[in-house]
Amino acid sequence: MRHILTYLLIVTSFVVKAQTYTASEVYVHFFSPAPIVDIEAITNTAKVKLNLAKKDVEVEILINSFTFKKALMQTHFNEKYIESNKYPTATFKGKFKDKLDLNTDGVYKLSLDGRFSIHGVERAKNIDCIVSVKDNKIFFESSFKLLSANYKIEAPDIIYRKVGQEVDVDIKGYLKKED
């Protein structure tokens, strides 16, 4: 009996791992239009994990990995508004119910229901995602909006006029089967 349980645990771990896909060089872009100066930054170091067996997705973004066109803007973003030393990551953990077959070429729309966390605040968030499978390559992309006030990201009034309150976020990358 003990050998059967051990065998089942080993087989189950291989099956679950075989259904896990990851991406470690994910492109994330955010843009916030503002009256005086638009706020825009990118990173290519976000991480995504997709587990088909559990139908869940995890995203992790290191806040201080974002680069801006102006160094001073990047410094203010990290030190004064996002406080990346105190809150080093933004994360999303969600689940989907949609059909997704990564062995069959096609375009799949996923509706991810989960929790988005940034600046020490976690909120429920629904994010739509498109997954394209072609010739064994798996590409994903998503666009969504965040309101800075929902995550207690505030700036002094004089600066707040410069900084937009609505942030457009784009994310995209390629998934590969976890070894």
C-alpha atoms as a PDB file:
ATOM      1  CA  MET A   1       0.000   0.000   0.000  1.00  0.00           C
ATOM      2  CA  ARG A   2       2.800   2.361   0.913  1.00  0.00           C
ATOM      3  CA  HIS A   3       4.507   1.741  -2.452  1.00  0.00           C
ATOM      4  CA  ILE A   4       1.299   2.480  -4.320  1.00  0.00           C
ATOM      5  CA  LEU A   5       0.903   5.831  -2.519  1.00  0.00           C
ATOM      6  CA  THR A   6       4.510   6.747  -3.256  1.00  0.00           C
ATOM      7  CA  TYR A   7       4.033   5.815  -6.914  1.00  0.00           C
ATOM      8  CA  LEU A   8       0.841   7.902  -7.154  1.00  0.00           C
ATOM      9  CA  LEU A   9       2.558  10.916  -5.597  1.00  0.00           C
ATOM     10  CA  ILE A  10       5.444  10.679  -8.064  1.00  0.00           C
ATOM     11  CA  VAL A  11       3.144  10.259 -11.089  1.00  0.00           C
ATOM     12  CA  THR A  12       0.899  13.100  -9.920  1.00  0.00           C
ATOM     13  CA  SER A  13       3.854  15.453  -9.513  1.00  0.00           C
ATOM     14  CA  PHE A  14       4.987  14.720 -13.090  1.00  0.00           C
ATOM     15  CA  VAL A  15       1.481  15.263 -14.474  1.00  0.00           C
ATOM     16  CA  VAL A  16       1.059  18.577 -12.633  1.00  0.00           C
ATOM     17  CA  LYS A  17       4.535  19.755 -13.645  1.00  0.00           C
ATOM     18  CA  ALA A  18       3.877  18.764 -17.276  1.00  0.00           C
ATOM     19  CA  GLN A  19       0.860  21.044 -17.223  1.00  0.00           C
ATOM     20  CA  THR A  20       2.782  24.049 -15.903  1.00  0.00           C
ATOM     21  CA  TYR A  21       3.999  26.766 -18.263  1.00  0.00           C
ATOM     22  CA  THR A  22       6.221  29.698 -17.353  1.00  0.00           C
ATOM     23  CA  ALA A  23       7.609  32.915 -18.768  1.00  0.00           C
ATOM     24  CA  SER A  24      10.425  34.851 -17.135  1.00  0.00           C
ATOM     25  CA  GLU A  25      11.058  37.670 -19.608  1.00  0.00           C
ATOM     26  CA  VAL A  26       7.592  39.157 -19.786  1.00  0.00           C
ATOM     27  CA  TYR A  27       7.127  42.641 -21.221  1.00  0.00           C
ATOM     28  CA  VAL A  28       5.024  45.007 -19.113  1.00  0.00           C
ATOM     29  CA  HIS A  29       4.274  48.573 -20.175  1.00  0.00           C
ATOM     30  CA  PHE A  30       2.274  51.142 -18.276  1.00  0.00           C
ATOM     31  CA  PHE A  31       1.084  54.542 -19.366  1.00  0.00           C
ATOM     32  CA  SER A  32      -0.731  57.221 -17.436  1.00  0.00           C
ATOM     33  CA  PRO A  33      -1.811  60.294 -19.383  1.00  0.00           C
ATOM     34  CA  ALA A  34      -1.483  63.545 -17.474  1.00  0.00           C
ATOM     35  CA  PRO A  35      -1.961  67.235 -18.274  1.00  0.00           C
ATOM     36  CA  ILE A  36       1.689  68.269 -17.904  1.00  0.00           C
ATOM     37  CA  VAL A  37       3.739  65.112 -18.418  1.00  0.00           C
ATOM     38  CA  ASP A  38       2.664  61.565 -19.258  1.00  0.00           C
ATOM     39  CA  ILE A  39       4.009  58.787 -17.067  1.00  0.00           C
ATOM     40  CA  GLU A  40       5.311  55.791 -18.982  1.00  0.00           C
ATOM     41  CA  ALA A  41       7.614  52.883 -18.154  1.00  0.00           C
ATOM     42  CA  ILE A  42       8.514  49.354 -19.246  1.00  0.00           C
ATOM     43  CA  THR A  43      10.101  46.211 -17.887  1.00  0.00           C
ATOM     44  CA  ASN A  44      11.008  42.919 -19.529  1.00  0.00           C
ATOM     45  CA  THR A  45      11.580  40.945 -16.342  1.00  0.00           C
ATOM     46  CA  ALA A  46       8.112  40.073 -15.104  1.00  0.00           C
ATOM     47  CA  LYS A  47       7.353  36.402 -14.433  1.00  0.00           C
ATOM     48  CA  VAL A  48       4.223  34.421 -15.292  1.00  0.00           C
ATOM     49  CA  LYS A  49       3.222  30.912 -14.266  1.00  0.00           C
ATOM     50  CA  LEU A  50       0.242  29.108 -15.798  1.00  0.00           C
ATOM     51  CA  ASN A  51      -0.978  25.833 -14.297  1.00  0.00           C
ATOM     52  CA  LEU A  52      -3.412  24.057 -16.629  1.00  0.00           C
ATOM     53  CA  ALA A  53      -4.372  21.373 -14.112  1.00  0.00           C
ATOM     54  CA  LYS A  54      -5.467  23.965 -11.546  1.00  0.00           C
ATOM     55  CA  LYS A  55      -6.508  26.555 -14.162  1.00  0.00           C
ATOM     56  CA  ASP A  56      -4.616  29.292 -12.397  1.00  0.00           C
ATOM     57  CA  VAL A  57      -2.224  32.086 -13.315  1.00  0.00           C
ATOM     58  CA  GLU A  58       0.371  33.910 -11.225  1.00  0.00           C
ATOM     59  CA  VAL A  59       2.180  37.084 -12.275  1.00  0.00           C
ATOM     60  CA  GLU A  60       5.014  38.803 -10.419  1.00  0.00           C
ATOM     61  CA  ILE A  61       6.583  42.132 -11.366  1.00  0.00           C
ATOM     62  CA  LEU A  62       9.556  43.688  -9.593  1.00  0.00           C
ATOM     63  CA  ILE A  63       8.605  47.344  -9.230  1.00  0.00           C
ATOM     64  CA  ASN A  64      12.117  48.737  -9.408  1.00  0.00           C
ATOM     65  CA  SER A  65      12.693  46.921 -12.723  1.00  0.00           C
ATOM     66  CA  PHE A  66      10.582  49.520 -14.553  1.00  0.00           C
ATOM     67  CA  THR A  67      12.606  51.954 -16.637  1.00  0.00           C
ATOM     68  CA  PHE A  68      11.479  55.449 -17.541  1.00  0.00           C
ATOM     69  CA  LYS A  69      12.674  57.888 -20.199  1.00  0.00           C
ATOM     70  CA  LYS A  70      13.676  60.335 -17.448  1.00  0.00           C
ATOM     71  CA  ALA A  71      15.801  59.133 -14.534  1.00  0.00           C
ATOM     72  CA  LEU A  72      14.249  61.642 -12.116  1.00  0.00           C
ATOM     73  CA  MET A  73      10.782  60.318 -12.909  1.00  0.00           C
ATOM     74  CA  GLN A  74      11.998  56.780 -12.181  1.00  0.00           C
ATOM     75  CA  THR A  75      13.485  57.902  -8.852  1.00  0.00           C
ATOM     76  CA  HIS A  76      10.283  59.666  -7.785  1.00  0.00           C
ATOM     77  CA  PHE A  77       8.174  56.689  -8.891  1.00  0.00           C
ATOM     78  CA  ASN A  78      10.213  54.254  -6.771  1.00  0.00           C
ATOM     79  CA  GLU A  79      10.888  56.446  -3.742  1.00  0.00           C
ATOM     80  CA  LYS A  80       7.828  58.668  -3.325  1.00  0.00           C
ATOM     81  CA  TYR A  81       4.817  57.054  -4.973  1.00  0.00           C
ATOM     82  CA  ILE A  82       5.208  53.296  -5.203  1.00  0.00           C
ATOM     83  CA  GLU A  83       7.761  53.003  -2.401  1.00  0.00           C
ATOM     84  CA  SER A  84       9.443  50.020  -4.043  1.00  0.00           C
ATOM     85  CA  ASN A  85      11.787  49.446  -1.096  1.00  0.00           C
ATOM     86  CA  LYS A  86       8.748  48.848   1.119  1.00  0.00           C
ATOM     87  CA  TYR A  87       6.558  47.202  -1.565  1.00  0.00           C
ATOM     88  CA  PRO A  88       8.986  45.537  -4.002  1.00  0.00           C
ATOM     89  CA  THR A  89       6.507  43.587  -6.138  1.00  0.00           C
ATOM     90  CA  ALA A  90       3.180  43.809  -7.874  1.00  0.00           C
ATOM     91  CA  THR A  91       1.376  40.479  -8.168  1.00  0.00           C
ATOM     92  CA  PHE A  92      -1.711  38.960  -9.689  1.00  0.00           C
ATOM     93  CA  LYS A  93      -3.078  35.544  -8.757  1.00  0.00           C
ATOM     94  CA  GLY A  94      -6.147  34.388 -10.587  1.00  0.00           C
ATOM     95  CA  LYS A  95      -8.158  31.507 -11.950  1.00  0.00           C
ATOM     96  CA  PHE A  96      -9.952  30.900 -15.227  1.00  0.00           C
ATOM     97  CA  LYS A  97     -12.814  28.638 -16.268  1.00  0.00           C
ATOM     98  CA  ASP A  98     -12.331  28.962 -20.027  1.00  0.00           C
ATOM     99  CA  LYS A  99     -11.197  26.116 -22.262  1.00  0.00           C
ATOM    100  CA  LEU A 100      -7.468  26.255 -23.013  1.00  0.00           C
ATOM    101  CA  ASP A 101      -5.680  23.562 -25.050  1.00  0.00           C
ATOM    102  CA  LEU A 102      -2.034  24.501 -25.492  1.00  0.00           C
ATOM    103  CA  ASN A 103      -1.491  21.476 -27.743  1.00  0.00           C
ATOM    104  CA  THR A 104      -3.891  22.766 -30.396  1.00  0.00           C
ATOM    105  CA  ASP A 105      -3.233  25.818 -32.573  1.00  0.00           C
ATOM    106  CA  GLY A 106      -5.778  28.555 -32.013  1.00  0.00           C
ATOM    107  CA  VAL A 107      -6.641  31.754 -30.206  1.00  0.00           C
ATOM    108  CA  TYR A 108      -8.138  31.448 -26.741  1.00  0.00           C
ATOM    109  CA  LYS A 109      -9.730  34.171 -24.644  1.00  0.00           C
ATOM    110  CA  LEU A 110      -9.352  33.789 -20.907  1.00  0.00           C
ATOM    111  CA  SER A 111     -11.213  35.723 -18.259  1.00  0.00           C
ATOM    112  CA  LEU A 112      -8.990  35.731 -15.186  1.00  0.00           C
ATOM    113  CA  ASP A 113     -10.680  36.341 -11.839  1.00  0.00           C
ATOM    114  CA  GLY A 114      -8.270  36.996  -9.045  1.00  0.00           C
ATOM    115  CA  ARG A 115      -6.437  39.401  -6.771  1.00  0.00           C
ATOM    116  CA  PHE A 116      -4.097  42.174  -7.895  1.00  0.00           C
ATOM    117  CA  SER A 117      -1.671  43.532  -5.322  1.00  0.00           C
ATOM    118  CA  ILE A 118       0.500  46.638  -5.499  1.00  0.00           C
ATOM    119  CA  HIS A 119       1.726  49.200  -2.957  1.00  0.00           C
ATOM    120  CA  GLY A 120       0.580  46.978  -0.092  1.00  0.00           C
ATOM    121  CA  VAL A 121      -3.042  46.907  -1.264  1.00  0.00           C
ATOM    122  CA  GLU A 122      -4.757  43.812  -2.627  1.00  0.00           C
ATOM    123  CA  ARG A 123      -8.016  44.058  -4.569  1.00  0.00           C
ATOM    124  CA  ALA A 124     -10.236  41.781  -6.608  1.00  0.00           C
ATOM    125  CA  LYS A 125      -9.518  42.201 -10.303  1.00  0.00           C
ATOM    126  CA  ASN A 126     -10.857  40.640 -13.504  1.00  0.00           C
ATOM    127  CA  ILE A 127      -8.359  40.642 -16.350  1.00  0.00           C
ATOM    128  CA  ASP A 128      -9.047  39.430 -19.888  1.00  0.00           C
ATOM    129  CA  CYS A 129      -6.174  37.675 -21.614  1.00  0.00           C
ATOM    130  CA  ILE A 130      -5.633  36.363 -25.134  1.00  0.00           C
ATOM    131  CA  VAL A 131      -3.523  33.224 -25.591  1.00  0.00           C
ATOM    132  CA  SER A 132      -2.381  32.362 -29.125  1.00  0.00           C
ATOM    133  CA  VAL A 133      -0.980  28.916 -29.909  1.00  0.00           C
ATOM    134  CA  LYS A 134       0.756  28.351 -33.225  1.00  0.00           C
ATOM    135  CA  ASP A 135       3.408  25.808 -34.187  1.00  0.00           C
ATOM    136  CA  ASN A 136       4.052  24.889 -30.520  1.00  0.00           C
ATOM    137  CA  LYS A 137       4.656  28.545 -29.573  1.00  0.00           C
ATOM    138  CA  ILE A 138       2.404  30.020 -26.891  1.00  0.00           C
ATOM    139  CA  PHE A 139       2.012  33.806 -26.873  1.00  0.00           C
ATOM    140  CA  PHE A 140      -0.145  35.708 -24.390  1.00  0.00           C
ATOM    141  CA  GLU A 141      -1.184  39.331 -24.111  1.00  0.00           C
ATOM    142  CA  SER A 142      -3.464  41.430 -21.978  1.00  0.00           C
ATOM    143  CA  SER A 143      -4.414  45.064 -21.461  1.00  0.00           C
ATOM    144  CA  PHE A 144      -6.216  46.474 -18.452  1.00  0.00           C
ATOM    145  CA  LYS A 145      -6.637  49.633 -16.403  1.00  0.00           C
ATOM    146  CA  LEU A 146      -5.805  50.421 -12.803  1.00  0.00           C
ATOM    147  CA  LEU A 147      -6.855  53.402 -10.730  1.00  0.00           C
ATOM    148  CA  SER A 148      -3.965  54.633  -8.591  1.00  0.00           C
ATOM    149  CA  ALA A 149      -6.353  55.755  -5.827  1.00  0.00           C
ATOM    150  CA  ASN A 150      -7.602  52.153  -5.458  1.00  0.00           C
ATOM    151  CA  TYR A 151      -4.102  51.154  -4.377  1.00  0.00           C
ATOM    152  CA  LYS A 152      -3.406  54.146  -2.113  1.00  0.00           C
ATOM    153  CA  ILE A 153      -0.884  55.575  -4.547  1.00  0.00           C
ATOM    154  CA  GLU A 154      -1.022  59.280  -3.853  1.00  0.00           C
ATOM    155  CA  ALA A 155       1.061  62.311  -4.711  1.00  0.00           C
ATOM    156  CA  PRO A 156       0.991  65.842  -3.324  1.00  0.00           C
ATOM    157  CA  ASP A 157      -1.751  67.937  -4.934  1.00  0.00           C
ATOM    158  CA  ILE A 158       0.639  69.994  -7.048  1.00  0.00           C
ATOM    159  CA  ILE A 159       2.232  66.814  -8.401  1.00  0.00           C
ATOM    160  CA  TYR A 160      -1.111  64.982  -8.687  1.00  0.00           C
ATOM    161  CA  ARG A 161      -2.078  67.341 -11.465  1.00  0.00           C
ATOM    162  CA  LYS A 162       0.993  66.125 -13.332  1.00  0.00           C
ATOM    163  CA  VAL A 163       0.467  62.441 -12.588  1.00  0.00           C
ATOM    164  CA  GLY A 164      -2.489  60.639 -14.135  1.00  0.00           C
ATOM    165  CA  GLN A 165      -4.891  58.771 -11.920  1.00  0.00           C
ATOM    166  CA  GLU A 166      -5.770  56.092 -14.471  1.00  0.00           C
ATOM    167  CA  VAL A 167      -3.008  53.725 -15.538  1.00  0.00           C
ATOM    168  CA  ASP A 168      -3.142  51.625 -18.723  1.00  0.00           C
ATOM    169  CA  VAL A 169      -1.187  48.378 -18.382  1.00  0.00           C
ATOM    170  CA  ASP A 170      -0.108  46.088 -21.243  1.00  0.00           C
ATOM    171  CA  ILE A 171       1.570  42.734 -20.703  1.00  0.00           C
ATOM    172  CA  LYS A 172       2.789  40.144 -23.200  1.00  0.00           C
ATOM    173  CA  GLY A 173       5.186  37.261 -23.517  1.00  0.00           C
ATOM    174  CA  TYR A 174       5.820  33.663 -24.515  1.00  0.00           C
ATOM    175  CA  LEU A 175       5.095  30.670 -22.318  1.00  0.00           C
ATOM    176  CA  LYS A 176       7.132  27.486 -22.347  1.00  0.00           C
ATOM    177  CA  LYS A 177       6.479  24.136 -20.725  1.00  0.00           C
ATOM    178  CA  GLU A 178       8.218  23.869 -17.380  1.00  0.00           C
ATOM    179  CA  ASP A 179      10.898  21.176 -17.341  1.00  0.00           C
END
